[in-house]
Amino acid sequence: MARSLRLGVLAALAPLLVLTGCGGSDVDFGEAAKDSLVVYSGRNEKLVSPLLEDFEKQTGTKVTVRYGDSAELAATLLEEGDKTPASVFLSQDAGALGALEEAGRLVPVDQALLAKVDRRYRSSKGLWVGISGRSRVLAFNTEQVQHADLPASVLDLTKPEYKGKVGYVPTNASFQAFVTALRVSLGEAKAKEFLVAFKDNEPKAYDSNIRLAEAVDEGEVPFGLLNHYYLYERADELGGYDKLKAHNHFFEAGDPGALVNVAGVGVLEGKADARTRQLLDFLLGTEAQTYFGEKTHEYPLVKGVQAVGTDLPPLASLQGPDLDLADLKSLEQTLALLDEVGLT
């Protein structure tokens, strides 16, 4: 899909995005922007609203939040330009932040805040910073799969022994980010070659990552391409990790299947002030980082705060493909490629 067409479609969708305050009530967004810190959030309301409510209580700063899909919100911010009421963009993935970085819509993050996060998980230009991380994995059913049968690389999933045995979620942003990383790290031709072979190997499409995690754990499908935290969320639902029949397989460093993506935050051009500095400082503080580690089972990105999860390898031991996370911005090309090969 051409960039201009995609932006037009997303702009048409913009009025459908949810406009709420931290309390969840409908607000007049334009009026609220006059006396509150406006955040556009691509992160789920249920996930981040508790943190933003704590921020309000601790600082006395009123926050008004517009929730929606990260790519749609990024497109809306590009359309609104310097007339946007938003001061801060909280994104589910690095690609949407990369698009705003490329368009010159973000201002530099304070160096002291950037220094809290490993350079792999922040803008190489200092224009946004990651606040939590997630690794791509291959979930597998331990009653159906022996460790010796696990693939060394995600690229091995095109082999005959995996035919019809791998689940994936084609419409999910995390799967699409994986494909984007594949394109960026291997090149368009090799990425297409893999995707064609993957489709020919008859993978099973699911409509959500939660459903796929259940399917692997229940033995409906032996393997599933997921983010690491979905099995930990399922363990919480079942009453413990020992109740799981599915485990995560982390691919080796440098493999396209080992992508570590981040949720991150950036400040819009012309909007930096004491309140935006406070919010970024809060999101990179111990309380918020511990929340991500304990409640959402993501990787905290600030040194000294640990992820929580049985058999979860340390973040420092993970290393995805060699790329700048901002390069995940080329979503349009990824969607076009997935459509071309029939994996949508």
Protein backbone atom coordinates (compact mmCIF):
# COMPACT_ATOMS: atom_id res chain seq x y z
CA MET A 1 0.00 0.00 0.00
CA ALA A 2 1.41 3.37 -0.95
CA ARG A 3 2.31 5.62 1.96
CA SER A 4 -0.11 8.35 0.91
CA LEU A 5 -3.00 5.93 0.59
CA ARG A 6 -2.25 4.32 3.91
CA LEU A 7 -2.10 7.69 5.64
CA GLY A 8 -5.41 8.63 4.06
CA VAL A 9 -7.05 5.46 5.32
CA LEU A 10 -5.61 5.92 8.80
CA ALA A 11 -6.69 9.55 8.91
CA ALA A 12 -10.22 8.43 8.11
CA LEU A 13 -10.04 6.00 11.01
CA ALA A 14 -8.69 8.58 13.44
CA PRO A 15 -12.09 9.78 14.72
CA LEU A 16 -12.85 6.22 15.80
CA LEU A 17 -9.90 6.14 18.20
CA VAL A 18 -10.82 6.22 21.88
CA LEU A 19 -10.49 9.55 23.65
CA THR A 20 -10.31 9.14 27.41
CA GLY A 21 -8.85 10.55 30.58
CA CYS A 22 -7.11 8.29 33.07
CA GLY A 23 -10.48 7.72 34.70
CA GLY A 24 -11.83 6.26 31.46
CA SER A 25 -14.62 8.81 30.84
CA ASP A 26 -15.21 10.44 27.47
CA VAL A 27 -13.70 13.91 27.16
CA ASP A 28 -13.61 16.83 24.77
CA PHE A 29 -10.07 16.25 23.62
CA GLY A 30 -9.39 19.75 22.37
CA GLU A 31 -10.56 21.33 25.62
CA ALA A 32 -8.74 18.79 27.79
CA ALA A 33 -5.48 19.60 26.01
CA LYS A 34 -5.58 23.13 27.45
CA ASP A 35 -4.94 22.04 31.03
CA SER A 36 -3.51 18.51 30.88
CA LEU A 37 -0.63 16.52 29.50
CA VAL A 38 -1.92 14.80 26.36
CA VAL A 39 -0.58 11.34 25.62
CA TYR A 40 -1.29 9.34 22.48
CA SER A 41 -0.96 5.71 23.55
CA GLY A 42 -0.57 2.70 21.28
CA ARG A 43 -0.36 0.58 24.41
CA ASN A 44 -3.56 -1.02 25.65
CA GLU A 45 -5.63 1.06 28.09
CA LYS A 46 -5.99 -1.82 30.54
CA LEU A 47 -2.22 -2.20 30.60
CA VAL A 48 -1.01 1.37 31.02
CA SER A 49 -3.86 3.24 32.69
CA PRO A 50 -2.85 2.04 36.20
CA LEU A 51 0.63 3.47 35.66
CA LEU A 52 -0.66 6.79 34.35
CA GLU A 53 -3.08 7.06 37.26
CA ASP A 54 -0.17 6.55 39.66
CA PHE A 55 1.77 9.23 37.80
CA GLU A 56 -1.13 11.66 38.26
CA LYS A 57 -1.34 10.94 41.98
CA GLN A 58 2.38 11.28 42.54
CA THR A 59 2.96 14.44 40.50
CA GLY A 60 -0.38 16.24 40.47
CA THR A 61 -0.14 16.45 36.67
CA LYS A 62 -3.41 15.73 34.91
CA VAL A 63 -3.09 13.30 31.99
CA THR A 64 -5.48 12.89 29.07
CA VAL A 65 -4.97 9.82 26.89
CA ARG A 66 -5.95 8.95 23.36
CA TYR A 67 -5.77 5.19 22.86
CA GLY A 68 -5.45 3.40 19.53
CA ASP A 69 -3.24 1.27 17.33
CA SER A 70 0.38 2.48 17.32
CA ALA A 71 0.65 2.67 13.52
CA GLU A 72 -2.67 4.52 13.26
CA LEU A 73 -1.66 6.99 15.97
CA ALA A 74 1.70 7.60 14.32
CA ALA A 75 -0.08 8.31 11.03
CA THR A 76 -2.47 10.67 12.84
CA LEU A 77 0.46 12.53 14.41
CA LEU A 78 2.06 12.92 10.99
CA GLU A 79 -1.21 14.29 9.62
CA GLU A 80 -1.72 16.68 12.54
CA GLY A 81 1.84 17.99 12.38
CA ASP A 82 2.61 20.86 14.72
CA LYS A 83 -1.11 21.33 15.38
CA THR A 84 -1.37 18.09 17.32
CA PRO A 85 -2.65 18.39 20.88
CA ALA A 86 -0.36 15.51 21.89
CA SER A 87 2.81 16.10 23.85
CA VAL A 88 3.91 12.47 24.27
CA PHE A 89 3.62 9.37 22.07
CA LEU A 90 3.65 6.05 23.90
CA SER A 91 4.10 3.33 21.27
CA GLN A 92 3.62 -0.42 21.35
CA ASP A 93 6.59 -0.88 19.02
CA ALA A 94 9.74 0.82 17.82
CA GLY A 95 8.62 1.02 14.20
CA ALA A 96 5.95 3.66 14.82
CA LEU A 97 8.48 5.74 16.75
CA GLY A 98 10.93 5.30 13.89
CA ALA A 99 8.39 6.76 11.47
CA LEU A 100 8.02 9.89 13.59
CA GLU A 101 11.79 10.10 14.02
CA GLU A 102 12.27 9.99 10.26
CA ALA A 103 9.67 12.73 9.79
CA GLY A 104 11.40 15.02 12.30
CA ARG A 105 8.44 15.02 14.69
CA LEU A 106 10.34 14.10 17.88
CA VAL A 107 12.67 16.09 20.11
CA PRO A 108 15.79 14.71 21.81
CA VAL A 109 15.31 12.81 25.05
CA ASP A 110 17.32 14.04 28.03
CA GLN A 111 20.70 12.30 28.03
CA ALA A 112 20.35 11.23 31.66
CA LEU A 113 17.18 9.32 30.76
CA LEU A 114 18.67 7.78 27.64
CA ALA A 115 21.62 6.53 29.67
CA LYS A 116 19.30 4.34 31.75
CA VAL A 117 18.61 2.08 28.76
CA ASP A 118 21.00 -0.01 26.67
CA ARG A 119 21.68 1.64 23.32
CA ARG A 120 20.11 -1.34 21.51
CA TYR A 121 16.72 -0.36 22.92
CA ARG A 122 16.65 3.36 22.21
CA SER A 123 16.91 5.68 19.25
CA SER A 124 20.41 5.89 17.83
CA LYS A 125 19.64 9.62 17.37
CA GLY A 126 18.42 10.03 20.95
CA LEU A 127 14.86 10.87 19.88
CA TRP A 128 12.95 8.13 21.74
CA VAL A 129 13.65 5.57 24.43
CA GLY A 130 12.37 2.07 25.09
CA ILE A 131 10.47 1.41 28.32
CA SER A 132 9.86 -2.37 28.11
CA GLY A 133 11.06 -5.20 25.90
CA ARG A 134 9.77 -8.44 24.45
CA SER A 135 11.48 -11.27 22.65
CA ARG A 136 10.11 -13.29 19.77
CA VAL A 137 10.10 -17.00 20.57
CA LEU A 138 8.89 -20.33 19.28
CA ALA A 139 6.47 -21.74 21.84
CA PHE A 140 6.35 -25.54 21.79
CA ASN A 141 4.31 -28.27 23.44
CA THR A 142 6.64 -30.28 25.68
CA GLU A 143 4.52 -33.45 25.37
CA GLN A 144 4.75 -33.40 21.58
CA VAL A 145 8.22 -31.96 20.97
CA GLN A 146 11.62 -33.07 22.25
CA HIS A 147 14.36 -30.50 22.75
CA ALA A 148 16.41 -32.25 20.10
CA ASP A 149 13.64 -31.51 17.60
CA LEU A 150 13.63 -27.74 18.16
CA PRO A 151 14.84 -25.73 15.17
CA ALA A 152 18.15 -23.91 15.46
CA SER A 153 16.77 -20.97 13.47
CA VAL A 154 13.34 -19.60 12.66
CA LEU A 155 14.36 -20.08 9.03
CA ASP A 156 14.30 -23.85 9.61
CA LEU A 157 10.51 -23.76 9.93
CA THR A 158 10.30 -24.22 6.18
CA LYS A 159 11.69 -27.76 6.48
CA PRO A 160 9.39 -30.76 5.83
CA GLU A 161 9.39 -31.92 9.47
CA TYR A 162 7.52 -28.75 10.46
CA LYS A 163 4.83 -28.96 7.78
CA GLY A 164 1.42 -28.12 9.20
CA LYS A 165 2.82 -27.88 12.73
CA VAL A 166 3.45 -24.15 13.21
CA GLY A 167 0.89 -21.59 14.32
CA TYR A 168 1.17 -17.86 13.64
CA VAL A 169 -0.98 -14.71 13.87
CA PRO A 170 -0.76 -12.91 10.51
CA THR A 171 -2.70 -9.80 11.55
CA ASN A 172 -0.72 -9.17 14.72
CA ALA A 173 1.71 -6.24 14.85
CA SER A 174 4.40 -8.34 16.53
CA PHE A 175 4.38 -10.91 13.73
CA GLN A 176 4.50 -8.09 11.20
CA ALA A 177 7.44 -6.53 13.08
CA PHE A 178 9.23 -9.89 12.88
CA VAL A 179 8.69 -9.93 9.10
CA THR A 180 9.94 -6.35 8.87
CA ALA A 181 13.08 -7.35 10.79
CA LEU A 182 13.45 -10.27 8.39
CA ARG A 183 13.30 -7.89 5.42
CA VAL A 184 15.72 -5.40 6.95
CA SER A 185 18.27 -7.97 8.13
CA LEU A 186 18.19 -10.45 5.21
CA GLY A 187 17.03 -8.29 2.31
CA GLU A 188 13.78 -8.35 0.35
CA ALA A 189 14.62 -11.35 -1.84
CA LYS A 190 15.61 -13.70 0.99
CA ALA A 191 12.69 -12.56 3.13
CA LYS A 192 10.26 -13.31 0.31
CA GLU A 193 11.92 -16.68 -0.31
CA PHE A 194 11.41 -17.61 3.35
CA LEU A 195 7.80 -16.42 3.45
CA VAL A 196 6.87 -18.33 0.29
CA ALA A 197 8.44 -21.51 1.66
CA PHE A 198 6.80 -20.92 5.05
CA LYS A 199 3.37 -20.62 3.40
CA ASP A 200 4.00 -23.75 1.33
CA ASN A 201 4.71 -25.58 4.61
CA GLU A 202 1.06 -25.02 5.58
CA PRO A 203 1.29 -23.03 8.85
CA LYS A 204 -1.91 -22.61 10.86
CA ALA A 205 -3.27 -19.06 11.16
CA TYR A 206 -4.82 -17.88 14.43
CA ASP A 207 -6.69 -14.68 15.16
CA SER A 208 -4.83 -13.72 18.35
CA ASN A 209 -1.64 -14.47 20.26
CA ILE A 210 -3.66 -15.45 23.32
CA ARG A 211 -5.55 -18.04 21.30
CA LEU A 212 -2.31 -19.35 19.78
CA ALA A 213 -0.69 -19.69 23.22
CA GLU A 214 -3.70 -21.74 24.34
CA ALA A 215 -3.53 -23.87 21.20
CA VAL A 216 0.13 -24.76 21.76
CA ASP A 217 -0.40 -25.45 25.46
CA GLU A 218 -3.42 -27.67 24.75
CA GLY A 219 -1.64 -29.61 22.00
CA GLU A 220 -3.77 -28.32 19.15
CA VAL A 221 -0.60 -27.29 17.32
CA PRO A 222 2.95 -28.27 18.36
CA PHE A 223 4.62 -24.89 17.69
CA GLY A 224 3.64 -21.22 17.75
CA LEU A 225 5.42 -18.01 16.80
CA LEU A 226 4.77 -15.64 19.71
CA ASN A 227 6.19 -13.04 22.04
CA HIS A 228 7.72 -14.54 25.16
CA TYR A 229 5.23 -13.19 27.71
CA TYR A 230 2.10 -14.92 26.40
CA LEU A 231 2.97 -18.20 28.09
CA TYR A 232 3.65 -16.40 31.38
CA GLU A 233 0.24 -14.74 31.14
CA ARG A 234 -1.30 -18.18 30.57
CA ALA A 235 0.63 -19.53 33.57
CA ASP A 236 -0.93 -16.79 35.70
CA GLU A 237 -4.39 -17.85 34.50
CA LEU A 238 -3.73 -21.54 35.20
CA GLY A 239 -2.24 -20.96 38.64
CA GLY A 240 1.46 -21.45 37.99
CA TYR A 241 4.18 -22.13 35.45
CA ASP A 242 4.22 -25.79 36.44
CA LYS A 243 0.69 -26.10 35.00
CA LEU A 244 1.95 -25.30 31.49
CA LYS A 245 2.57 -27.96 28.86
CA ALA A 246 4.09 -25.32 26.59
CA HIS A 247 7.49 -23.68 26.98
CA ASN A 248 9.37 -20.96 25.11
CA HIS A 249 12.25 -21.70 22.76
CA PHE A 250 14.56 -18.67 22.40
CA PHE A 251 16.53 -18.62 19.17
CA GLU A 252 20.26 -17.96 19.21
CA ALA A 253 21.79 -14.51 18.98
CA GLY A 254 21.57 -12.91 15.56
CA ASP A 255 18.70 -15.08 14.34
CA PRO A 256 15.77 -13.19 12.76
CA GLY A 257 13.48 -15.15 15.08
CA ALA A 258 15.26 -13.70 18.12
CA LEU A 259 14.05 -10.14 17.55
CA VAL A 260 13.78 -8.12 20.76
CA ASN A 261 11.36 -5.28 20.13
CA VAL A 262 10.40 -2.55 22.57
CA ALA A 263 7.51 -0.40 23.64
CA GLY A 264 8.85 3.12 23.81
CA VAL A 265 8.11 6.77 24.32
CA GLY A 266 8.94 10.01 22.54
CA VAL A 267 8.13 13.69 23.01
CA LEU A 268 6.58 15.61 20.13
CA GLU A 269 8.30 18.58 18.51
CA GLY A 270 7.66 21.79 20.43
CA LYS A 271 6.02 20.02 23.38
CA ALA A 272 8.92 19.29 25.73
CA ASP A 273 8.43 20.75 29.20
CA ALA A 274 8.76 19.81 32.87
CA ARG A 275 5.71 17.54 32.65
CA THR A 276 7.01 15.49 29.72
CA ARG A 277 10.34 15.13 31.51
CA GLN A 278 8.49 13.95 34.62
CA LEU A 279 6.51 11.35 32.68
CA LEU A 280 9.55 9.88 30.95
CA ASP A 281 11.40 9.82 34.25
CA PHE A 282 8.45 8.00 35.84
CA LEU A 283 8.19 5.39 33.05
CA LEU A 284 11.91 4.68 33.42
CA GLY A 285 11.73 4.64 37.19
CA THR A 286 11.81 1.61 39.46
CA GLU A 287 8.05 1.52 40.08
CA ALA A 288 7.02 1.43 36.42
CA GLN A 289 9.87 -0.87 35.42
CA THR A 290 8.95 -3.31 38.20
CA TYR A 291 5.33 -3.17 37.01
CA PHE A 292 6.38 -4.23 33.51
CA GLY A 293 8.49 -7.05 34.90
CA GLU A 294 5.98 -8.42 37.41
CA LYS A 295 2.56 -7.61 35.95
CA THR A 296 3.06 -7.90 32.20
CA HIS A 297 6.08 -10.26 32.21
CA GLU A 298 7.92 -8.01 29.78
CA TYR A 299 11.59 -7.20 30.11
CA PRO A 300 12.31 -4.05 32.16
CA LEU A 301 14.89 -2.03 30.23
CA VAL A 302 16.44 -0.10 33.10
CA LYS A 303 19.51 -1.67 34.66
CA GLY A 304 18.92 -3.19 38.07
CA VAL A 305 15.26 -4.13 37.54
CA GLN A 306 14.76 -7.80 36.72
CA ALA A 307 12.20 -9.59 34.59
CA VAL A 308 10.03 -12.12 36.42
CA GLY A 309 9.37 -15.53 34.91
CA THR A 310 10.42 -19.15 35.39
CA ASP A 311 13.08 -20.19 32.86
CA LEU A 312 13.18 -16.64 31.47
CA PRO A 313 16.71 -15.88 30.24
CA PRO A 314 18.27 -12.54 31.21
CA LEU A 315 17.76 -9.75 28.71
CA ALA A 316 21.53 -9.33 28.43
CA SER A 317 21.76 -12.87 27.04
CA LEU A 318 19.40 -12.10 24.15
CA GLN A 319 20.54 -10.60 20.89
CA GLY A 320 18.26 -10.32 17.90
CA PRO A 321 19.24 -9.58 14.31
CA ASP A 322 21.72 -6.76 13.80
CA LEU A 323 19.50 -3.77 13.05
CA ASP A 324 18.42 -0.39 14.37
CA LEU A 325 14.94 -0.85 15.83
CA ALA A 326 13.88 2.42 14.19
CA ASP A 327 14.24 0.57 10.86
CA LEU A 328 11.10 -1.39 11.74
CA LYS A 329 9.19 1.65 10.46
CA SER A 330 8.75 0.16 6.96
CA LEU A 331 5.43 -1.51 7.78
CA GLU A 332 3.83 -0.67 4.42
CA GLN A 333 6.39 -2.77 2.55
CA THR A 334 5.91 -5.63 5.00
CA LEU A 335 2.13 -5.60 4.58
CA ALA A 336 2.51 -5.53 0.81
CA LEU A 337 4.91 -8.49 0.91
CA LEU A 338 2.66 -10.54 3.20
CA ASP A 339 -0.26 -9.85 0.89
CA GLU A 340 1.80 -10.79 -2.16
CA VAL A 341 2.79 -14.19 -0.75
CA GLY A 342 -0.67 -14.90 0.70
CA LEU A 343 0.11 -14.76 4.43
CA THR A 344 -2.52 -12.16 5.41
